């Protein structure tokens, strides 16, 4: 698994994960949205997103090619 999430994107996912977790403590119909917070935390932790992979996206710098 090659990393496809950069530092700025990881920080955004952690912040979004915290916001989504706050929905989980609500007592209304929006509570189910909080179930997405572990996904945000997990993708930020491993720096890899399957949706980015499927779309061919990456927010990491391109790897340097080794020239001999």
C-alpha atoms as a PDB file:
ATOM      1  CA  UNK A   1       0.000   0.000   0.000  1.00  0.00           C
ATOM      2  CA  UNK A   2       1.577   3.232  -1.133  1.00  0.00           C
ATOM      3  CA  UNK A   3       0.592   6.336   0.822  1.00  0.00           C
ATOM      4  CA  UNK A   4      -1.752   8.664  -1.048  1.00  0.00           C
ATOM      5  CA  UNK A   5      -2.757  11.120   1.700  1.00  0.00           C
ATOM      6  CA  UNK A   6      -0.484  14.055   2.470  1.00  0.00           C
ATOM      7  CA  UNK A   7       0.093  15.856   5.761  1.00  0.00           C
ATOM      8  CA  UNK A   8      -2.436  18.661   5.160  1.00  0.00           C
ATOM      9  CA  UNK A   9      -5.090  16.127   4.126  1.00  0.00           C
ATOM     10  CA  UNK A  10      -4.354  13.971   7.205  1.00  0.00           C
ATOM     11  CA  UNK A  11      -4.829  16.921   9.534  1.00  0.00           C
ATOM     12  CA  UNK A  12      -8.108  17.781   7.839  1.00  0.00           C
ATOM     13  CA  UNK A  13      -9.336  14.224   8.248  1.00  0.00           C
ATOM     14  CA  UNK A  14      -8.544  14.265  11.975  1.00  0.00           C
ATOM     15  CA  UNK A  15     -10.458  17.528  12.415  1.00  0.00           C
ATOM     16  CA  UNK A  16     -13.365  16.177  10.371  1.00  0.00           C
ATOM     17  CA  UNK A  17     -13.272  12.971  12.448  1.00  0.00           C
ATOM     18  CA  UNK A  18     -13.625  14.978  15.657  1.00  0.00           C
ATOM     19  CA  UNK A  19     -16.554  16.950  14.208  1.00  0.00           C
ATOM     20  CA  UNK A  20     -18.263  13.754  13.042  1.00  0.00           C
ATOM     21  CA  UNK A  21     -17.711  12.148  16.458  1.00  0.00           C
ATOM     22  CA  UNK A  22     -19.638  15.035  18.016  1.00  0.00           C
ATOM     23  CA  UNK A  23     -22.653  14.028  15.912  1.00  0.00           C
ATOM     24  CA  UNK A  24     -22.590  10.592  17.539  1.00  0.00           C
ATOM     25  CA  UNK A  25     -23.373  12.006  20.990  1.00  0.00           C
ATOM     26  CA  UNK A  26     -26.507  13.723  19.702  1.00  0.00           C
ATOM     27  CA  UNK A  27     -29.893  12.189  20.393  1.00  0.00           C
ATOM     28  CA  UNK A  28     -31.566  12.848  17.038  1.00  0.00           C
ATOM     29  CA  UNK A  29     -31.606  11.423  13.516  1.00  0.00           C
ATOM     30  CA  UNK A  30     -28.147  12.851  12.732  1.00  0.00           C
ATOM     31  CA  UNK A  31     -26.506  10.415  15.135  1.00  0.00           C
ATOM     32  CA  UNK A  32     -25.672   7.933  12.350  1.00  0.00           C
ATOM     33  CA  UNK A  33     -23.326  10.511  10.769  1.00  0.00           C
ATOM     34  CA  UNK A  34     -21.011  10.005  13.743  1.00  0.00           C
ATOM     35  CA  UNK A  35     -20.356   6.448  12.599  1.00  0.00           C
ATOM     36  CA  UNK A  36     -18.156   7.883   9.829  1.00  0.00           C
ATOM     37  CA  UNK A  37     -15.628   9.298  12.292  1.00  0.00           C
ATOM     38  CA  UNK A  38     -13.626   6.038  12.690  1.00  0.00           C
ATOM     39  CA  UNK A  39     -13.183   5.960   8.911  1.00  0.00           C
ATOM     40  CA  UNK A  40     -11.677   9.458   8.974  1.00  0.00           C
ATOM     41  CA  UNK A  41      -9.363   8.566  11.851  1.00  0.00           C
ATOM     42  CA  UNK A  42      -8.267   5.292  10.242  1.00  0.00           C
ATOM     43  CA  UNK A  43      -7.482   6.803   6.842  1.00  0.00           C
ATOM     44  CA  UNK A  44      -5.557   9.628   8.518  1.00  0.00           C
ATOM     45  CA  UNK A  45      -3.576   7.133  10.611  1.00  0.00           C
ATOM     46  CA  UNK A  46      -2.546   4.858   7.741  1.00  0.00           C
ATOM     47  CA  UNK A  47      -2.225   7.713   5.185  1.00  0.00           C
ATOM     48  CA  UNK A  48      -4.103   5.717   2.575  1.00  0.00           C
ATOM     49  CA  UNK A  49      -7.586   6.199   1.160  1.00  0.00           C
ATOM     50  CA  UNK A  50      -9.237   3.541  -1.029  1.00  0.00           C
ATOM     51  CA  UNK A  51     -11.418   6.150  -2.735  1.00  0.00           C
ATOM     52  CA  UNK A  52      -8.336   8.171  -3.713  1.00  0.00           C
ATOM     53  CA  UNK A  53      -6.806   4.944  -5.041  1.00  0.00           C
ATOM     54  CA  UNK A  54      -9.879   4.155  -7.147  1.00  0.00           C
ATOM     55  CA  UNK A  55      -9.903   7.685  -8.593  1.00  0.00           C
ATOM     56  CA  UNK A  56      -6.140   7.779  -9.132  1.00  0.00           C
ATOM     57  CA  UNK A  57      -5.741  10.743  -6.783  1.00  0.00           C
ATOM     58  CA  UNK A  58      -2.971  11.531  -4.304  1.00  0.00           C
ATOM     59  CA  UNK A  59      -2.166  14.475  -2.064  1.00  0.00           C
ATOM     60  CA  UNK A  60       1.360  13.324  -1.281  1.00  0.00           C
ATOM     61  CA  UNK A  61       4.364  14.621  -3.179  1.00  0.00           C
ATOM     62  CA  UNK A  62       5.375  12.497  -6.144  1.00  0.00           C
ATOM     63  CA  UNK A  63       8.078  10.001  -5.288  1.00  0.00           C
ATOM     64  CA  UNK A  64      11.514  10.956  -6.547  1.00  0.00           C
ATOM     65  CA  UNK A  65      12.750   8.769  -9.362  1.00  0.00           C
ATOM     66  CA  UNK A  66      16.095   7.138  -8.876  1.00  0.00           C
ATOM     67  CA  UNK A  67      18.388   7.960 -11.764  1.00  0.00           C
ATOM     68  CA  UNK A  68      21.583   5.974 -12.134  1.00  0.00           C
END
